[in-house]
Every structure is written in structure tokens, then in C-alpha cells.
Amino acid sequence: MAGNGWVPMRAPKVHPSITFSRELLQRLFRDGRGAAAILAALAFTVLIGFTALGVETGLWYATKRQDQSAADAAALAGAYEIAAGQADGEKQRLRQYLR
């Protein structure tokens, strides 16, 4: 193929530290020791995440229930005042406040 102007190139020289790093990475990928520790760490992280999600959902539900209970109590108190005929004074105070 020398007739068409093609000249074979030599592979570029690689710095020795890059070669060492590449060999080190290849050895690490072939070595299976410690794989269980890595998998356990990943599983533990996922477990903590799902636990946090469950706790957060429980707190959200408890807060929602507490807010609904407060709204129900306020509505009941208002209904009792209207039924007892004590709401007229509150209406007048509300009208003065809104002016």
C-alpha cells in the first residue's frame, strides 16, 4: 500500500504513569474481592433512602390529619355558636373589621 501515499503511523508513546494507572484499573476490575462490601454499601444506601421516604410520608399524613381535625373543630365550634344564637356579636365585629 505504499504506492497510494499511505504511511503507517507508530503508536504514540504513552506516559509510564498512564500505563501504570491503566494496569491498576484492569487489575481492580478483574479482582472480585470487596465486591460484597460495595453491594452492601449500595443496598444500605437504598434502604436508608426508602426508610426516609416512609418516615416523610408518615409525617405528611399525620400533618394532614391534624390540619383536617383542626378545620373540623373550627367548623363545629362555629356551628354550635350559630345554633346557640351567639354569632350576632361576631358578625358585627367582622363587619367593623372589614370596613
C-alpha atoms as a PDB file:
ATOM      1  CA  MET A   1       0.000   0.000   0.000  1.00  0.00           C
ATOM      2  CA  ALA A   2       2.944   2.252  -0.132  1.00  0.00           C
ATOM      3  CA  GLY A   3       2.002   3.294  -3.663  1.00  0.00           C
ATOM      4  CA  ASN A   4      -1.053   5.352  -2.658  1.00  0.00           C
ATOM      5  CA  GLY A   5       0.779   7.633  -0.227  1.00  0.00           C
ATOM      6  CA  TRP A   6      -0.339   5.863   2.911  1.00  0.00           C
ATOM      7  CA  VAL A   7       2.320   5.764   5.588  1.00  0.00           C
ATOM      8  CA  PRO A   8       1.792   3.568   8.649  1.00  0.00           C
ATOM      9  CA  MET A   9       1.952   5.558  11.858  1.00  0.00           C
ATOM     10  CA  ARG A  10       3.613   4.407  15.002  1.00  0.00           C
ATOM     11  CA  ALA A  11       1.569   4.276  18.156  1.00  0.00           C
ATOM     12  CA  PRO A  12       2.167   7.360  20.271  1.00  0.00           C
ATOM     13  CA  LYS A  13       4.303   6.893  23.331  1.00  0.00           C
ATOM     14  CA  VAL A  14       2.248   6.698  26.498  1.00  0.00           C
ATOM     15  CA  HIS A  15       3.476   8.217  29.707  1.00  0.00           C
ATOM     16  CA  PRO A  16       4.509   5.483  32.197  1.00  0.00           C
ATOM     17  CA  SER A  17       2.096   6.746  34.859  1.00  0.00           C
ATOM     18  CA  ILE A  18      -0.827   6.354  32.426  1.00  0.00           C
ATOM     19  CA  THR A  19       0.262   2.812  31.669  1.00  0.00           C
ATOM     20  CA  PHE A  20       0.553   2.096  35.386  1.00  0.00           C
ATOM     21  CA  SER A  21      -2.909   3.591  36.010  1.00  0.00           C
ATOM     22  CA  ARG A  22      -4.411   1.548  33.198  1.00  0.00           C
ATOM     23  CA  GLU A  23      -2.830  -1.642  34.522  1.00  0.00           C
ATOM     24  CA  LEU A  24      -4.003  -0.817  38.024  1.00  0.00           C
ATOM     25  CA  LEU A  25      -7.584  -0.282  36.838  1.00  0.00           C
ATOM     26  CA  GLN A  26      -7.526  -3.534  34.882  1.00  0.00           C
ATOM     27  CA  ARG A  27      -6.308  -5.395  37.970  1.00  0.00           C
ATOM     28  CA  LEU A  28      -9.007  -3.772  40.093  1.00  0.00           C
ATOM     29  CA  PHE A  29     -11.763  -4.744  37.652  1.00  0.00           C
ATOM     30  CA  ARG A  30     -10.541  -8.350  37.497  1.00  0.00           C
ATOM     31  CA  ASP A  31     -10.241  -8.652  41.268  1.00  0.00           C
ATOM     32  CA  GLY A  32     -13.536  -9.706  42.857  1.00  0.00           C
ATOM     33  CA  ARG A  33     -12.563  -9.176  46.483  1.00  0.00           C
ATOM     34  CA  GLY A  34     -14.588  -6.475  48.197  1.00  0.00           C
ATOM     35  CA  ALA A  35     -17.483  -6.692  45.743  1.00  0.00           C
ATOM     36  CA  ALA A  36     -19.807  -7.785  48.535  1.00  0.00           C
ATOM     37  CA  ALA A  37     -18.856  -4.721  50.577  1.00  0.00           C
ATOM     38  CA  ILE A  38     -19.664  -2.431  47.661  1.00  0.00           C
ATOM     39  CA  LEU A  39     -23.004  -4.147  47.069  1.00  0.00           C
ATOM     40  CA  ALA A  40     -23.815  -3.969  50.779  1.00  0.00           C
ATOM     41  CA  ALA A  41     -22.989  -0.250  50.840  1.00  0.00           C
ATOM     42  CA  LEU A  42     -25.240   0.388  47.841  1.00  0.00           C
ATOM     43  CA  ALA A  43     -28.053  -1.686  49.330  1.00  0.00           C
ATOM     44  CA  PHE A  44     -27.705   0.102  52.670  1.00  0.00           C
ATOM     45  CA  THR A  45     -27.922   3.468  50.917  1.00  0.00           C
ATOM     46  CA  VAL A  46     -31.102   2.427  49.111  1.00  0.00           C
ATOM     47  CA  LEU A  47     -32.540   1.045  52.345  1.00  0.00           C
ATOM     48  CA  ILE A  48     -31.894   4.316  54.171  1.00  0.00           C
ATOM     49  CA  GLY A  49     -33.470   6.241  51.288  1.00  0.00           C
ATOM     50  CA  PHE A  50     -36.652   4.182  51.340  1.00  0.00           C
ATOM     51  CA  THR A  51     -36.823   4.431  55.133  1.00  0.00           C
ATOM     52  CA  ALA A  52     -36.546   8.214  54.909  1.00  0.00           C
ATOM     53  CA  LEU A  53     -39.268   8.254  52.261  1.00  0.00           C
ATOM     54  CA  GLY A  54     -41.545   6.197  54.516  1.00  0.00           C
ATOM     55  CA  VAL A  55     -40.929   8.459  57.502  1.00  0.00           C
ATOM     56  CA  GLU A  56     -41.550  11.568  55.397  1.00  0.00           C
ATOM     57  CA  THR A  57     -44.802  10.117  54.049  1.00  0.00           C
ATOM     58  CA  GLY A  58     -45.927   9.267  57.587  1.00  0.00           C
ATOM     59  CA  LEU A  59     -45.216  12.795  58.795  1.00  0.00           C
ATOM     60  CA  TRP A  60     -47.063  14.238  55.807  1.00  0.00           C
ATOM     61  CA  TYR A  61     -50.086  12.063  56.567  1.00  0.00           C
ATOM     62  CA  ALA A  62     -50.039  12.978  60.282  1.00  0.00           C
ATOM     63  CA  THR A  63     -49.829  16.699  59.481  1.00  0.00           C
ATOM     64  CA  LYS A  64     -52.689  16.399  57.006  1.00  0.00           C
ATOM     65  CA  ARG A  65     -54.850  14.609  59.596  1.00  0.00           C
ATOM     66  CA  GLN A  66     -54.006  17.218  62.252  1.00  0.00           C
ATOM     67  CA  ASP A  67     -54.928  20.085  59.923  1.00  0.00           C
ATOM     68  CA  GLN A  68     -58.189  18.378  58.971  1.00  0.00           C
ATOM     69  CA  SER A  69     -59.049  17.815  62.643  1.00  0.00           C
ATOM     70  CA  ALA A  70     -58.416  21.496  63.400  1.00  0.00           C
ATOM     71  CA  ALA A  71     -60.644  22.552  60.495  1.00  0.00           C
ATOM     72  CA  ASP A  72     -63.384  20.170  61.647  1.00  0.00           C
ATOM     73  CA  ALA A  73     -63.182  21.510  65.209  1.00  0.00           C
ATOM     74  CA  ALA A  74     -63.412  25.117  63.982  1.00  0.00           C
ATOM     75  CA  ALA A  75     -66.430  24.298  61.812  1.00  0.00           C
ATOM     76  CA  LEU A  76     -68.140  22.546  64.700  1.00  0.00           C
ATOM     77  CA  ALA A  77     -67.443  25.455  67.055  1.00  0.00           C
ATOM     78  CA  GLY A  78     -68.907  27.863  64.516  1.00  0.00           C
ATOM     79  CA  ALA A  79     -71.976  25.682  64.053  1.00  0.00           C
ATOM     80  CA  TYR A  80     -72.520  25.498  67.831  1.00  0.00           C
ATOM     81  CA  GLU A  81     -72.288  29.287  68.130  1.00  0.00           C
ATOM     82  CA  ILE A  82     -74.786  29.789  65.320  1.00  0.00           C
ATOM     83  CA  ALA A  83     -77.124  27.208  66.884  1.00  0.00           C
ATOM     84  CA  ALA A  84     -76.856  28.928  70.275  1.00  0.00           C
ATOM     85  CA  GLY A  85     -77.568  32.345  68.722  1.00  0.00           C
ATOM     86  CA  GLN A  86     -74.235  33.853  69.778  1.00  0.00           C
ATOM     87  CA  ALA A  87     -72.986  34.586  66.301  1.00  0.00           C
ATOM     88  CA  ASP A  88     -74.583  38.068  66.025  1.00  0.00           C
ATOM     89  CA  GLY A  89     -71.806  39.746  68.009  1.00  0.00           C
ATOM     90  CA  GLU A  90     -69.203  38.052  65.858  1.00  0.00           C
ATOM     91  CA  LYS A  91     -70.924  39.237  62.685  1.00  0.00           C
ATOM     92  CA  GLN A  92     -70.827  42.834  63.899  1.00  0.00           C
ATOM     93  CA  ARG A  93     -67.131  42.597  64.823  1.00  0.00           C
ATOM     94  CA  LEU A  94     -66.396  41.093  61.427  1.00  0.00           C
ATOM     95  CA  ARG A  95     -68.260  43.909  59.647  1.00  0.00           C
ATOM     96  CA  GLN A  96     -66.297  46.517  61.633  1.00  0.00           C
ATOM     97  CA  TYR A  97     -63.030  44.761  60.850  1.00  0.00           C
ATOM     98  CA  LEU A  98     -63.772  44.600  57.118  1.00  0.00           C
ATOM     99  CA  ARG A  99     -64.598  48.329  56.888  1.00  0.00           C
END
